[in-house]
Amino acid sequence: MAKSNTPAKKQVTLKDRFENIKEYFISVYNELKKVHWPDRRQMIAYTGVVLFAVTIVAIIIYFFDWGLSSLLKLLFDATA
């Protein structure tokens, strides 16, 4: 039987796994230090914009749902 030419996998020890996890969290911490965080005024403004947009979308969905349910009630009541 011919031998396979694929290289053998390296055994990953528990120490290697913890080193990889440690490296990951160190790099995440370093990247978070580079982030430009908004100040309080910007955060309040952004929150207001998000709440306004969510309210508008909720109103649109409400009226769309109300219209479709009214249409279906008319359709099914007429056929009964």
PDB file of N, CA and C in Angstrom:
ATOM      1  N   MET A   1       0.844  -1.164   0.000  1.00  0.00           N
ATOM      2  CA  MET A   1       0.000   0.000   0.000  1.00  0.00           C
ATOM      3  C   MET A   1       0.898   1.238   0.000  1.00  0.00           C
ATOM      4  N   ALA A   2       0.564   2.250  -0.797  1.00  0.00           N
ATOM      5  CA  ALA A   2       1.389   3.458  -0.912  1.00  0.00           C
ATOM      6  C   ALA A   2       1.158   4.384   0.272  1.00  0.00           C
ATOM      7  N   LYS A   3       2.241   5.067   0.653  1.00  0.00           N
ATOM      8  CA  LYS A   3       2.129   6.011   1.761  1.00  0.00           C
ATOM      9  C   LYS A   3       1.539   7.327   1.259  1.00  0.00           C
ATOM     10  N   SER A   4       0.814   7.983   2.118  1.00  0.00           N
ATOM     11  CA  SER A   4       0.210   9.262   1.773  1.00  0.00           C
ATOM     12  C   SER A   4       1.262  10.366   1.847  1.00  0.00           C
ATOM     13  N   ASN A   5       1.190  11.324   0.934  1.00  0.00           N
ATOM     14  CA  ASN A   5       2.136  12.437   0.916  1.00  0.00           C
ATOM     15  C   ASN A   5       1.664  13.622   1.747  1.00  0.00           C
ATOM     16  N   THR A   6       0.519  13.504   2.394  1.00  0.00           N
ATOM     17  CA  THR A   6       0.021  14.616   3.203  1.00  0.00           C
ATOM     18  C   THR A   6       0.807  14.689   4.499  1.00  0.00           C
ATOM     19  N   PRO A   7       1.161  15.917   4.908  1.00  0.00           N
ATOM     20  CA  PRO A   7       1.927  16.045   6.155  1.00  0.00           C
ATOM     21  C   PRO A   7       1.056  15.717   7.362  1.00  0.00           C
ATOM     22  N   ALA A   8       1.710  15.208   8.384  1.00  0.00           N
ATOM     23  CA  ALA A   8       0.991  14.862   9.611  1.00  0.00           C
ATOM     24  C   ALA A   8       0.579  16.143  10.329  1.00  0.00           C
ATOM     25  N   LYS A   9      -0.583  16.107  10.965  1.00  0.00           N
ATOM     26  CA  LYS A   9      -1.059  17.279  11.693  1.00  0.00           C
ATOM     27  C   LYS A   9      -0.267  17.443  12.980  1.00  0.00           C
ATOM     28  N   LYS A  10       0.013  18.710  13.303  1.00  0.00           N
ATOM     29  CA  LYS A  10       0.741  19.017  14.532  1.00  0.00           C
ATOM     30  C   LYS A  10      -0.212  18.885  15.707  1.00  0.00           C
ATOM     31  N   GLN A  11       0.243  18.260  16.754  1.00  0.00           N
ATOM     32  CA  GLN A  11      -0.564  18.134  17.961  1.00  0.00           C
ATOM     33  C   GLN A  11      -0.645  19.491  18.651  1.00  0.00           C
ATOM     34  N   VAL A  12      -1.855  19.934  18.927  1.00  0.00           N
ATOM     35  CA  VAL A  12      -2.055  21.203  19.615  1.00  0.00           C
ATOM     36  C   VAL A  12      -2.240  20.899  21.091  1.00  0.00           C
ATOM     37  N   THR A  13      -1.350  21.449  21.887  1.00  0.00           N
ATOM     38  CA  THR A  13      -1.419  21.195  23.321  1.00  0.00           C
ATOM     39  C   THR A  13      -2.351  22.198  23.979  1.00  0.00           C
ATOM     40  N   LEU A  14      -2.674  21.924  25.213  1.00  0.00           N
ATOM     41  CA  LEU A  14      -3.538  22.816  25.977  1.00  0.00           C
ATOM     42  C   LEU A  14      -2.870  24.176  26.156  1.00  0.00           C
ATOM     43  N   LYS A  15      -1.562  24.160  26.341  1.00  0.00           N
ATOM     44  CA  LYS A  15      -0.815  25.414  26.495  1.00  0.00           C
ATOM     45  C   LYS A  15      -0.912  26.256  25.221  1.00  0.00           C
ATOM     46  N   ASP A  16      -0.811  25.604  24.057  1.00  0.00           N
ATOM     47  CA  ASP A  16      -0.926  26.321  22.783  1.00  0.00           C
ATOM     48  C   ASP A  16      -2.308  26.947  22.633  1.00  0.00           C
ATOM     49  N   ARG A  17      -3.321  26.223  23.035  1.00  0.00           N
ATOM     50  CA  ARG A  17      -4.684  26.753  22.935  1.00  0.00           C
ATOM     51  C   ARG A  17      -4.847  28.000  23.793  1.00  0.00           C
ATOM     52  N   PHE A  18      -4.334  27.952  25.029  1.00  0.00           N
ATOM     53  CA  PHE A  18      -4.452  29.113  25.908  1.00  0.00           C
ATOM     54  C   PHE A  18      -3.619  30.285  25.388  1.00  0.00           C
ATOM     55  N   GLU A  19      -2.484  30.004  24.770  1.00  0.00           N
ATOM     56  CA  GLU A  19      -1.674  31.073  24.179  1.00  0.00           C
ATOM     57  C   GLU A  19      -2.435  31.736  23.032  1.00  0.00           C
ATOM     58  N   ASN A  20      -3.111  30.932  22.209  1.00  0.00           N
ATOM     59  CA  ASN A  20      -3.896  31.484  21.106  1.00  0.00           C
ATOM     60  C   ASN A  20      -5.048  32.337  21.625  1.00  0.00           C
ATOM     61  N   ILE A  21      -5.711  31.874  22.659  1.00  0.00           N
ATOM     62  CA  ILE A  21      -6.808  32.638  23.251  1.00  0.00           C
ATOM     63  C   ILE A  21      -6.280  33.942  23.836  1.00  0.00           C
ATOM     64  N   LYS A  22      -5.138  33.865  24.507  1.00  0.00           N
ATOM     65  CA  LYS A  22      -4.523  35.065  25.093  1.00  0.00           C
ATOM     66  C   LYS A  22      -4.160  36.066  23.996  1.00  0.00           C
ATOM     67  N   GLU A  23      -3.559  35.596  22.916  1.00  0.00           N
ATOM     68  CA  GLU A  23      -3.215  36.469  21.790  1.00  0.00           C
ATOM     69  C   GLU A  23      -4.456  37.126  21.205  1.00  0.00           C
ATOM     70  N   TYR A  24      -5.527  36.362  21.090  1.00  0.00           N
ATOM     71  CA  TYR A  24      -6.768  36.892  20.545  1.00  0.00           C
ATOM     72  C   TYR A  24      -7.279  38.053  21.392  1.00  0.00           C
ATOM     73  N   PHE A  25      -7.356  37.874  22.696  1.00  0.00           N
ATOM     74  CA  PHE A  25      -7.880  38.926  23.557  1.00  0.00           C
ATOM     75  C   PHE A  25      -6.951  40.136  23.611  1.00  0.00           C
ATOM     76  N   ILE A  26      -5.661  39.919  23.520  1.00  0.00           N
ATOM     77  CA  ILE A  26      -4.728  41.046  23.471  1.00  0.00           C
ATOM     78  C   ILE A  26      -4.946  41.850  22.193  1.00  0.00           C
ATOM     79  N   SER A  27      -5.123  41.171  21.068  1.00  0.00           N
ATOM     80  CA  SER A  27      -5.342  41.889  19.812  1.00  0.00           C
ATOM     81  C   SER A  27      -6.696  42.594  19.801  1.00  0.00           C
ATOM     82  N   VAL A  28      -7.715  41.987  20.409  1.00  0.00           N
ATOM     83  CA  VAL A  28      -9.015  42.657  20.512  1.00  0.00           C
ATOM     84  C   VAL A  28      -8.885  43.922  21.347  1.00  0.00           C
ATOM     85  N   TYR A  29      -8.179  43.833  22.463  1.00  0.00           N
ATOM     86  CA  TYR A  29      -7.971  44.997  23.331  1.00  0.00           C
ATOM     87  C   TYR A  29      -7.230  46.103  22.575  1.00  0.00           C
ATOM     88  N   ASN A  30      -6.202  45.741  21.828  1.00  0.00           N
ATOM     89  CA  ASN A  30      -5.446  46.739  21.065  1.00  0.00           C
ATOM     90  C   ASN A  30      -6.299  47.391  19.987  1.00  0.00           C
ATOM     91  N   GLU A  31      -7.161  46.626  19.338  1.00  0.00           N
ATOM     92  CA  GLU A  31      -8.042  47.203  18.319  1.00  0.00           C
ATOM     93  C   GLU A  31      -9.083  48.120  18.948  1.00  0.00           C
ATOM     94  N   LEU A  32      -9.599  47.757  20.113  1.00  0.00           N
ATOM     95  CA  LEU A  32     -10.596  48.603  20.772  1.00  0.00           C
ATOM     96  C   LEU A  32      -9.995  49.930  21.229  1.00  0.00           C
ATOM     97  N   LYS A  33      -8.696  49.960  21.499  1.00  0.00           N
ATOM     98  CA  LYS A  33      -8.051  51.218  21.862  1.00  0.00           C
ATOM     99  C   LYS A  33      -7.990  52.170  20.670  1.00  0.00           C
ATOM    100  N   LYS A  34      -8.028  51.629  19.442  1.00  0.00           N
ATOM    101  CA  LYS A  34      -7.958  52.452  18.235  1.00  0.00           C
ATOM    102  C   LYS A  34      -9.313  53.048  17.847  1.00  0.00           C
ATOM    103  N   VAL A  35     -10.385  52.560  18.422  1.00  0.00           N
ATOM    104  CA  VAL A  35     -11.732  52.996  18.056  1.00  0.00           C
ATOM    105  C   VAL A  35     -11.962  54.422  18.532  1.00  0.00           C
ATOM    106  N   HIS A  36     -12.597  55.221  17.666  1.00  0.00           N
ATOM    107  CA  HIS A  36     -12.996  56.578  18.058  1.00  0.00           C
ATOM    108  C   HIS A  36     -14.379  56.483  18.687  1.00  0.00           C
ATOM    109  N   TRP A  37     -14.442  56.638  19.992  1.00  0.00           N
ATOM    110  CA  TRP A  37     -15.701  56.524  20.705  1.00  0.00           C
ATOM    111  C   TRP A  37     -16.399  57.876  20.715  1.00  0.00           C
ATOM    112  N   PRO A  38     -17.724  57.913  20.468  1.00  0.00           N
ATOM    113  CA  PRO A  38     -18.441  59.196  20.471  1.00  0.00           C
ATOM    114  C   PRO A  38     -18.553  59.758  21.884  1.00  0.00           C
ATOM    115  N   ASP A  39     -18.631  61.097  21.946  1.00  0.00           N
ATOM    116  CA  ASP A  39     -18.820  61.705  23.257  1.00  0.00           C
ATOM    117  C   ASP A  39     -20.306  61.654  23.630  1.00  0.00           C
ATOM    118  N   ARG A  40     -20.639  62.185  24.788  1.00  0.00           N
ATOM    119  CA  ARG A  40     -21.999  62.081  25.320  1.00  0.00           C
ATOM    120  C   ARG A  40     -23.019  62.749  24.397  1.00  0.00           C
ATOM    121  N   ARG A  41     -22.700  63.925  23.891  1.00  0.00           N
ATOM    122  CA  ARG A  41     -23.631  64.656  23.019  1.00  0.00           C
ATOM    123  C   ARG A  41     -23.905  63.877  21.731  1.00  0.00           C
ATOM    124  N   GLN A  42     -22.864  63.339  21.119  1.00  0.00           N
ATOM    125  CA  GLN A  42     -23.039  62.547  19.904  1.00  0.00           C
ATOM    126  C   GLN A  42     -23.866  61.297  20.184  1.00  0.00           C
ATOM    127  N   MET A  43     -23.606  60.656  21.305  1.00  0.00           N
ATOM    128  CA  MET A  43     -24.329  59.432  21.640  1.00  0.00           C
ATOM    129  C   MET A  43     -25.813  59.712  21.833  1.00  0.00           C
ATOM    130  N   ILE A  44     -26.143  60.818  22.479  1.00  0.00           N
ATOM    131  CA  ILE A  44     -27.550  61.182  22.667  1.00  0.00           C
ATOM    132  C   ILE A  44     -28.194  61.476  21.316  1.00  0.00           C
ATOM    133  N   ALA A  45     -27.481  62.169  20.432  1.00  0.00           N
ATOM    134  CA  ALA A  45     -28.016  62.472  19.106  1.00  0.00           C
ATOM    135  C   ALA A  45     -28.234  61.191  18.303  1.00  0.00           C
ATOM    136  N   TYR A  46     -27.264  60.285  18.319  1.00  0.00           N
ATOM    137  CA  TYR A  46     -27.392  59.026  17.585  1.00  0.00           C
ATOM    138  C   TYR A  46     -28.538  58.181  18.140  1.00  0.00           C
ATOM    139  N   THR A  47     -28.690  58.185  19.453  1.00  0.00           N
ATOM    140  CA  THR A  47     -29.780  57.432  20.077  1.00  0.00           C
ATOM    141  C   THR A  47     -31.123  57.991  19.643  1.00  0.00           C
ATOM    142  N   GLY A  48     -31.231  59.308  19.587  1.00  0.00           N
ATOM    143  CA  GLY A  48     -32.465  59.940  19.131  1.00  0.00           C
ATOM    144  C   GLY A  48     -32.796  59.580  17.695  1.00  0.00           C
ATOM    145  N   VAL A  49     -31.788  59.577  16.838  1.00  0.00           N
ATOM    146  CA  VAL A  49     -32.002  59.217  15.432  1.00  0.00           C
ATOM    147  C   VAL A  49     -32.473  57.777  15.316  1.00  0.00           C
ATOM    148  N   VAL A  50     -31.857  56.884  16.063  1.00  0.00           N
ATOM    149  CA  VAL A  50     -32.240  55.467  16.011  1.00  0.00           C
ATOM    150  C   VAL A  50     -33.664  55.273  16.524  1.00  0.00           C
ATOM    151  N   LEU A  51     -34.006  55.902  17.638  1.00  0.00           N
ATOM    152  CA  LEU A  51     -35.364  55.771  18.177  1.00  0.00           C
ATOM    153  C   LEU A  51     -36.398  56.334  17.212  1.00  0.00           C
ATOM    154  N   PHE A  52     -36.085  57.459  16.569  1.00  0.00           N
ATOM    155  CA  PHE A  52     -36.997  58.041  15.586  1.00  0.00           C
ATOM    156  C   PHE A  52     -37.192  57.096  14.400  1.00  0.00           C
ATOM    157  N   ALA A  53     -36.099  56.543  13.881  1.00  0.00           N
ATOM    158  CA  ALA A  53     -36.185  55.633  12.737  1.00  0.00           C
ATOM    159  C   ALA A  53     -36.961  54.372  13.095  1.00  0.00           C
ATOM    160  N   VAL A  54     -36.731  53.825  14.276  1.00  0.00           N
ATOM    161  CA  VAL A  54     -37.452  52.623  14.709  1.00  0.00           C
ATOM    162  C   VAL A  54     -38.939  52.922  14.846  1.00  0.00           C
ATOM    163  N   THR A  55     -39.278  54.096  15.371  1.00  0.00           N
ATOM    164  CA  THR A  55     -40.682  54.478  15.517  1.00  0.00           C
ATOM    165  C   THR A  55     -41.355  54.592  14.158  1.00  0.00           C
ATOM    166  N   ILE A  56     -40.688  55.222  13.197  1.00  0.00           N
ATOM    167  CA  ILE A  56     -41.252  55.369  11.852  1.00  0.00           C
ATOM    168  C   ILE A  56     -41.467  54.000  11.210  1.00  0.00           C
ATOM    169  N   VAL A  57     -40.493  53.127  11.311  1.00  0.00           N
ATOM    170  CA  VAL A  57     -40.624  51.784  10.722  1.00  0.00           C
ATOM    171  C   VAL A  57     -41.743  51.012  11.410  1.00  0.00           C
ATOM    172  N   ALA A  58     -41.875  51.139  12.727  1.00  0.00           N
ATOM    173  CA  ALA A  58     -42.946  50.451  13.455  1.00  0.00           C
ATOM    174  C   ALA A  58     -44.311  50.960  13.011  1.00  0.00           C
ATOM    175  N   ILE A  59     -44.442  52.265  12.800  1.00  0.00           N
ATOM    176  CA  ILE A  59     -45.716  52.831  12.333  1.00  0.00           C
ATOM    177  C   ILE A  59     -46.043  52.320  10.935  1.00  0.00           C
ATOM    178  N   ILE A  60     -45.050  52.281  10.060  1.00  0.00           N
ATOM    179  CA  ILE A  60     -45.277  51.773   8.700  1.00  0.00           C
ATOM    180  C   ILE A  60     -45.717  50.315   8.746  1.00  0.00           C
ATOM    181  N   ILE A  61     -45.054  49.503   9.540  1.00  0.00           N
ATOM    182  CA  ILE A  61     -45.426  48.085   9.654  1.00  0.00           C
ATOM    183  C   ILE A  61     -46.824  47.944  10.235  1.00  0.00           C
ATOM    184  N   TYR A  62     -47.160  48.773  11.235  1.00  0.00           N
ATOM    185  CA  TYR A  62     -48.490  48.712  11.848  1.00  0.00           C
ATOM    186  C   TYR A  62     -49.571  48.988  10.812  1.00  0.00           C
ATOM    187  N   PHE A  63     -49.425  50.061  10.031  1.00  0.00           N
ATOM    188  CA  PHE A  63     -50.454  50.402   9.053  1.00  0.00           C
ATOM    189  C   PHE A  63     -50.501  49.394   7.912  1.00  0.00           C
ATOM    190  N   PHE A  64     -49.375  48.856   7.519  1.00  0.00           N
ATOM    191  CA  PHE A  64     -49.361  47.819   6.494  1.00  0.00           C
ATOM    192  C   PHE A  64     -50.092  46.571   6.993  1.00  0.00           C
ATOM    193  N   ASP A  65     -49.836  46.176   8.227  1.00  0.00           N
ATOM    194  CA  ASP A  65     -50.499  45.021   8.828  1.00  0.00           C
ATOM    195  C   ASP A  65     -51.997  45.273   8.977  1.00  0.00           C
ATOM    196  N   TRP A  66     -52.351  46.467   9.444  1.00  0.00           N
ATOM    197  CA  TRP A  66     -53.765  46.824   9.607  1.00  0.00           C
ATOM    198  C   TRP A  66     -54.485  46.796   8.260  1.00  0.00           C
ATOM    199  N   GLY A  67     -53.857  47.334   7.222  1.00  0.00           N
ATOM    200  CA  GLY A  67     -54.466  47.349   5.895  1.00  0.00           C
ATOM    201  C   GLY A  67     -54.657  45.949   5.338  1.00  0.00           C
ATOM    202  N   LEU A  68     -53.655  45.111   5.469  1.00  0.00           N
ATOM    203  CA  LEU A  68     -53.779  43.744   4.957  1.00  0.00           C
ATOM    204  C   LEU A  68     -54.816  42.940   5.734  1.00  0.00           C
ATOM    205  N   SER A  69     -54.855  43.106   7.053  1.00  0.00           N
ATOM    206  CA  SER A  69     -55.846  42.357   7.830  1.00  0.00           C
ATOM    207  C   SER A  69     -57.255  42.841   7.511  1.00  0.00           C
ATOM    208  N   SER A  70     -57.442  44.138   7.289  1.00  0.00           N
ATOM    209  CA  SER A  70     -58.760  44.650   6.898  1.00  0.00           C
ATOM    210  C   SER A  70     -59.161  44.114   5.536  1.00  0.00           C
ATOM    211  N   LEU A  71     -58.220  44.078   4.619  1.00  0.00           N
ATOM    212  CA  LEU A  71     -58.495  43.555   3.284  1.00  0.00           C
ATOM    213  C   LEU A  71     -58.866  42.077   3.347  1.00  0.00           C
ATOM    214  N   LEU A  72     -58.158  41.310   4.145  1.00  0.00           N
ATOM    215  CA  LEU A  72     -58.465  39.885   4.264  1.00  0.00           C
ATOM    216  C   LEU A  72     -59.804  39.651   4.952  1.00  0.00           C
ATOM    217  N   LYS A  73     -60.145  40.486   5.943  1.00  0.00           N
ATOM    218  CA  LYS A  73     -61.459  40.361   6.580  1.00  0.00           C
ATOM    219  C   LYS A  73     -62.565  40.616   5.574  1.00  0.00           C
ATOM    220  N   LEU A  74     -62.408  41.658   4.759  1.00  0.00           N
ATOM    221  CA  LEU A  74     -63.412  41.942   3.731  1.00  0.00           C
ATOM    222  C   LEU A  74     -63.504  40.793   2.736  1.00  0.00           C
ATOM    223  N   LEU A  75     -62.386  40.263   2.347  1.00  0.00           N
ATOM    224  CA  LEU A  75     -62.352  39.189   1.359  1.00  0.00           C
ATOM    225  C   LEU A  75     -63.000  37.919   1.896  1.00  0.00           C
ATOM    226  N   PHE A  76     -62.671  37.532   3.124  1.00  0.00           N
ATOM    227  CA  PHE A  76     -63.210  36.294   3.668  1.00  0.00           C
ATOM    228  C   PHE A  76     -64.642  36.447   4.158  1.00  0.00           C
ATOM    229  N   ASP A  77     -65.039  37.636   4.622  1.00  0.00           N
ATOM    230  CA  ASP A  77     -66.426  37.848   5.024  1.00  0.00           C
ATOM    231  C   ASP A  77     -67.341  37.876   3.814  1.00  0.00           C
ATOM    232  N   ALA A  78     -66.854  38.338   2.671  1.00  0.00           N
ATOM    233  CA  ALA A  78     -67.668  38.403   1.460  1.00  0.00           C
ATOM    234  C   ALA A  78     -67.895  37.015   0.884  1.00  0.00           C
ATOM    235  N   THR A  79     -66.955  36.107   1.071  1.00  0.00           N
ATOM    236  CA  THR A  79     -67.100  34.769   0.498  1.00  0.00           C
ATOM    237  C   THR A  79     -67.888  33.836   1.414  1.00  0.00           C
ATOM    238  N   ALA A  80     -68.086  34.195   2.655  1.00  0.00           N
ATOM    239  CA  ALA A  80     -68.759  33.301   3.594  1.00  0.00           C
ATOM    240  C   ALA A  80     -70.249  33.327   3.454  1.00  0.00           C
TER     241      ALA A  80
END
